[in-house]
Amino acid sequence: MADFNTAIREKNGVSIIDLDGYLDAHTAPTLESAFTSLIQQMNYKIVVNFRSLSYISSAGLGVFMAFIEKIRENKGDIKLTNMSPKVYNIFDLLGFPLLYEFFDEEAEAINKFNQAD
């Protein structure tokens, strides 16, 4: 089974989830736990950094859909950054660019949150 890890850090009032490895049906609960933890702490400004993610399956994509409504109800959002073209193409095929903001760099996503305040 492929490895997958998340790390959560904070920068300028925004929570950042760093993804590493393969996000699929077996590893999706790890990402679900990260989102659940942030919501329990009432952290609703979330940037997900895909810099070290090499693969995502439909189960991985489903995690984002599972949490976005709760986060937006609390005036937050999930912004996605640093995707490889291969990972972005999967999001693009399923219409995610209509639902989420994508950024080339993490700093751009953080700035977007802080402009909205």
C-alpha atoms as a PDB file:
ATOM      1  CA  MET A   1       0.000   0.000   0.000  1.00  0.00           C
ATOM      2  CA  ALA A   2       1.290   3.456  -0.899  1.00  0.00           C
ATOM      3  CA  ASP A   3       2.190   5.949   1.790  1.00  0.00           C
ATOM      4  CA  PHE A   4       0.215   9.089   2.502  1.00  0.00           C
ATOM      5  CA  ASN A   5       0.791  11.742   5.141  1.00  0.00           C
ATOM      6  CA  THR A   6      -0.653  15.093   6.100  1.00  0.00           C
ATOM      7  CA  ALA A   7       0.891  17.869   8.124  1.00  0.00           C
ATOM      8  CA  ILE A   8      -1.024  20.870   9.422  1.00  0.00           C
ATOM      9  CA  ARG A   9       0.614  24.223   9.991  1.00  0.00           C
ATOM     10  CA  GLU A  10      -0.583  27.786  10.400  1.00  0.00           C
ATOM     11  CA  LYS A  11       0.524  30.912   8.572  1.00  0.00           C
ATOM     12  CA  ASN A  12      -1.013  34.395   8.799  1.00  0.00           C
ATOM     13  CA  GLY A  13      -4.235  33.076  10.325  1.00  0.00           C
ATOM     14  CA  VAL A  14      -4.699  30.388   7.664  1.00  0.00           C
ATOM     15  CA  SER A  15      -4.435  26.642   8.282  1.00  0.00           C
ATOM     16  CA  ILE A  16      -2.346  24.783   5.716  1.00  0.00           C
ATOM     17  CA  ILE A  17      -2.620  21.055   5.094  1.00  0.00           C
ATOM     18  CA  ASP A  18       0.434  19.644   3.325  1.00  0.00           C
ATOM     19  CA  LEU A  19      -0.273  16.438   1.425  1.00  0.00           C
ATOM     20  CA  ASP A  20       2.413  13.856   0.699  1.00  0.00           C
ATOM     21  CA  GLY A  21       2.169  10.611  -1.235  1.00  0.00           C
ATOM     22  CA  TYR A  22      -0.851   8.791  -2.624  1.00  0.00           C
ATOM     23  CA  LEU A  23      -4.394   9.868  -1.715  1.00  0.00           C
ATOM     24  CA  ASP A  24      -6.819   7.035  -2.434  1.00  0.00           C
ATOM     25  CA  ALA A  25      -9.624   5.101  -0.743  1.00  0.00           C
ATOM     26  CA  HIS A  26      -7.209   3.552   1.769  1.00  0.00           C
ATOM     27  CA  THR A  27      -5.533   6.819   2.746  1.00  0.00           C
ATOM     28  CA  ALA A  28      -8.505   9.224   2.499  1.00  0.00           C
ATOM     29  CA  PRO A  29      -9.382   8.795   6.216  1.00  0.00           C
ATOM     30  CA  THR A  30      -6.073  10.489   7.081  1.00  0.00           C
ATOM     31  CA  LEU A  31      -7.142  13.614   5.178  1.00  0.00           C
ATOM     32  CA  GLU A  32     -10.652  13.387   6.655  1.00  0.00           C
ATOM     33  CA  SER A  33      -9.077  13.449  10.119  1.00  0.00           C
ATOM     34  CA  ALA A  34      -7.093  16.570   9.248  1.00  0.00           C
ATOM     35  CA  PHE A  35     -10.229  18.418   8.080  1.00  0.00           C
ATOM     36  CA  THR A  36     -12.222  17.210  11.102  1.00  0.00           C
ATOM     37  CA  SER A  37      -9.512  18.443  13.455  1.00  0.00           C
ATOM     38  CA  LEU A  38      -9.456  21.900  11.855  1.00  0.00           C
ATOM     39  CA  ILE A  39     -13.249  22.184  11.977  1.00  0.00           C
ATOM     40  CA  GLN A  40     -13.305  21.136  15.638  1.00  0.00           C
ATOM     41  CA  GLN A  41     -10.797  23.936  16.318  1.00  0.00           C
ATOM     42  CA  MET A  42     -13.044  26.320  14.318  1.00  0.00           C
ATOM     43  CA  ASN A  43     -10.334  26.899  11.710  1.00  0.00           C
ATOM     44  CA  TYR A  44     -12.246  27.455   8.488  1.00  0.00           C
ATOM     45  CA  LYS A  45      -9.645  29.196   6.335  1.00  0.00           C
ATOM     46  CA  ILE A  46      -7.841  26.238   4.813  1.00  0.00           C
ATOM     47  CA  VAL A  47      -5.195  25.981   2.115  1.00  0.00           C
ATOM     48  CA  VAL A  48      -4.305  22.508   0.868  1.00  0.00           C
ATOM     49  CA  ASN A  49      -0.788  22.285  -0.549  1.00  0.00           C
ATOM     50  CA  PHE A  50      -0.388  19.481  -3.102  1.00  0.00           C
ATOM     51  CA  ARG A  51       3.352  20.019  -3.703  1.00  0.00           C
ATOM     52  CA  SER A  52       4.295  16.486  -2.549  1.00  0.00           C
ATOM     53  CA  LEU A  53       1.152  14.655  -3.648  1.00  0.00           C
ATOM     54  CA  SER A  54       1.843  12.258  -6.492  1.00  0.00           C
ATOM     55  CA  TYR A  55      -1.597  10.679  -6.966  1.00  0.00           C
ATOM     56  CA  ILE A  56      -5.247  11.292  -6.113  1.00  0.00           C
ATOM     57  CA  SER A  57      -8.217   8.986  -6.702  1.00  0.00           C
ATOM     58  CA  SER A  58     -11.923   9.745  -6.798  1.00  0.00           C
ATOM     59  CA  ALA A  59     -12.115   8.776  -3.110  1.00  0.00           C
ATOM     60  CA  GLY A  60      -9.530  11.462  -2.381  1.00  0.00           C
ATOM     61  CA  LEU A  61     -11.554  14.012  -4.332  1.00  0.00           C
ATOM     62  CA  GLY A  62     -14.621  13.017  -2.344  1.00  0.00           C
ATOM     63  CA  VAL A  63     -12.978  14.165   0.879  1.00  0.00           C
ATOM     64  CA  PHE A  64     -12.967  17.748  -0.397  1.00  0.00           C
ATOM     65  CA  MET A  65     -16.653  17.555  -1.284  1.00  0.00           C
ATOM     66  CA  ALA A  66     -17.484  16.069   2.130  1.00  0.00           C
ATOM     67  CA  PHE A  67     -16.168  19.091   4.042  1.00  0.00           C
ATOM     68  CA  ILE A  68     -16.616  22.133   1.793  1.00  0.00           C
ATOM     69  CA  GLU A  69     -20.242  22.837   2.723  1.00  0.00           C
ATOM     70  CA  LYS A  70     -19.558  22.859   6.484  1.00  0.00           C
ATOM     71  CA  ILE A  71     -16.516  25.090   5.990  1.00  0.00           C
ATOM     72  CA  ARG A  72     -18.347  27.573   3.762  1.00  0.00           C
ATOM     73  CA  GLU A  73     -21.318  27.664   6.168  1.00  0.00           C
ATOM     74  CA  ASN A  74     -18.803  29.040   8.673  1.00  0.00           C
ATOM     75  CA  LYS A  75     -17.575  31.738   6.267  1.00  0.00           C
ATOM     76  CA  GLY A  76     -14.454  29.772   5.382  1.00  0.00           C
ATOM     77  CA  ASP A  77     -13.129  28.090   2.273  1.00  0.00           C
ATOM     78  CA  ILE A  78     -10.690  25.504   0.980  1.00  0.00           C
ATOM     79  CA  LYS A  79      -8.139  26.810  -1.517  1.00  0.00           C
ATOM     80  CA  LEU A  80      -5.895  24.435  -3.447  1.00  0.00           C
ATOM     81  CA  THR A  81      -2.244  25.099  -4.329  1.00  0.00           C
ATOM     82  CA  ASN A  82       0.933  23.728  -5.878  1.00  0.00           C
ATOM     83  CA  MET A  83      -0.632  20.919  -7.934  1.00  0.00           C
ATOM     84  CA  SER A  84       1.297  18.990 -10.506  1.00  0.00           C
ATOM     85  CA  PRO A  85      -0.333  19.066 -13.963  1.00  0.00           C
ATOM     86  CA  LYS A  86      -1.202  15.361 -13.568  1.00  0.00           C
ATOM     87  CA  VAL A  87      -3.130  15.936 -10.316  1.00  0.00           C
ATOM     88  CA  TYR A  88      -4.739  19.151 -11.590  1.00  0.00           C
ATOM     89  CA  ASN A  89      -6.054  17.328 -14.681  1.00  0.00           C
ATOM     90  CA  ILE A  90      -8.041  14.957 -12.445  1.00  0.00           C
ATOM     91  CA  PHE A  91      -9.640  17.900 -10.609  1.00  0.00           C
ATOM     92  CA  ASP A  92     -10.270  19.658 -13.925  1.00  0.00           C
ATOM     93  CA  LEU A  93     -11.956  16.646 -15.534  1.00  0.00           C
ATOM     94  CA  LEU A  94     -14.476  16.524 -12.697  1.00  0.00           C
ATOM     95  CA  GLY A  95     -15.292  20.236 -12.785  1.00  0.00           C
ATOM     96  CA  PHE A  96     -13.575  21.243  -9.540  1.00  0.00           C
ATOM     97  CA  PRO A  97     -12.305  24.571 -10.968  1.00  0.00           C
ATOM     98  CA  LEU A  98     -15.942  25.715 -10.925  1.00  0.00           C
ATOM     99  CA  LEU A  99     -16.183  24.994  -7.185  1.00  0.00           C
ATOM    100  CA  TYR A 100     -12.720  25.769  -5.811  1.00  0.00           C
ATOM    101  CA  GLU A 101      -9.975  28.322  -6.301  1.00  0.00           C
ATOM    102  CA  PHE A 102      -6.651  26.963  -7.513  1.00  0.00           C
ATOM    103  CA  PHE A 103      -3.352  28.791  -7.040  1.00  0.00           C
ATOM    104  CA  ASP A 104       0.148  28.113  -8.318  1.00  0.00           C
ATOM    105  CA  GLU A 105       1.713  29.116  -5.011  1.00  0.00           C
ATOM    106  CA  GLU A 106       0.633  28.779  -1.394  1.00  0.00           C
ATOM    107  CA  ALA A 107       1.347  32.454  -0.653  1.00  0.00           C
ATOM    108  CA  GLU A 108      -1.210  33.519  -3.279  1.00  0.00           C
ATOM    109  CA  ALA A 109      -3.956  31.497  -1.577  1.00  0.00           C
ATOM    110  CA  ILE A 110      -3.054  32.861   1.865  1.00  0.00           C
ATOM    111  CA  ASN A 111      -3.101  36.408   0.492  1.00  0.00           C
ATOM    112  CA  LYS A 112      -6.522  35.808  -1.061  1.00  0.00           C
ATOM    113  CA  PHE A 113      -7.921  34.854   2.373  1.00  0.00           C
ATOM    114  CA  ASN A 114      -6.348  37.872   4.021  1.00  0.00           C
ATOM    115  CA  GLN A 115      -7.652  40.275   1.335  1.00  0.00           C
ATOM    116  CA  ALA A 116     -11.182  39.074   2.094  1.00  0.00           C
ATOM    117  CA  ASP A 117     -10.965  40.068   5.796  1.00  0.00           C
END
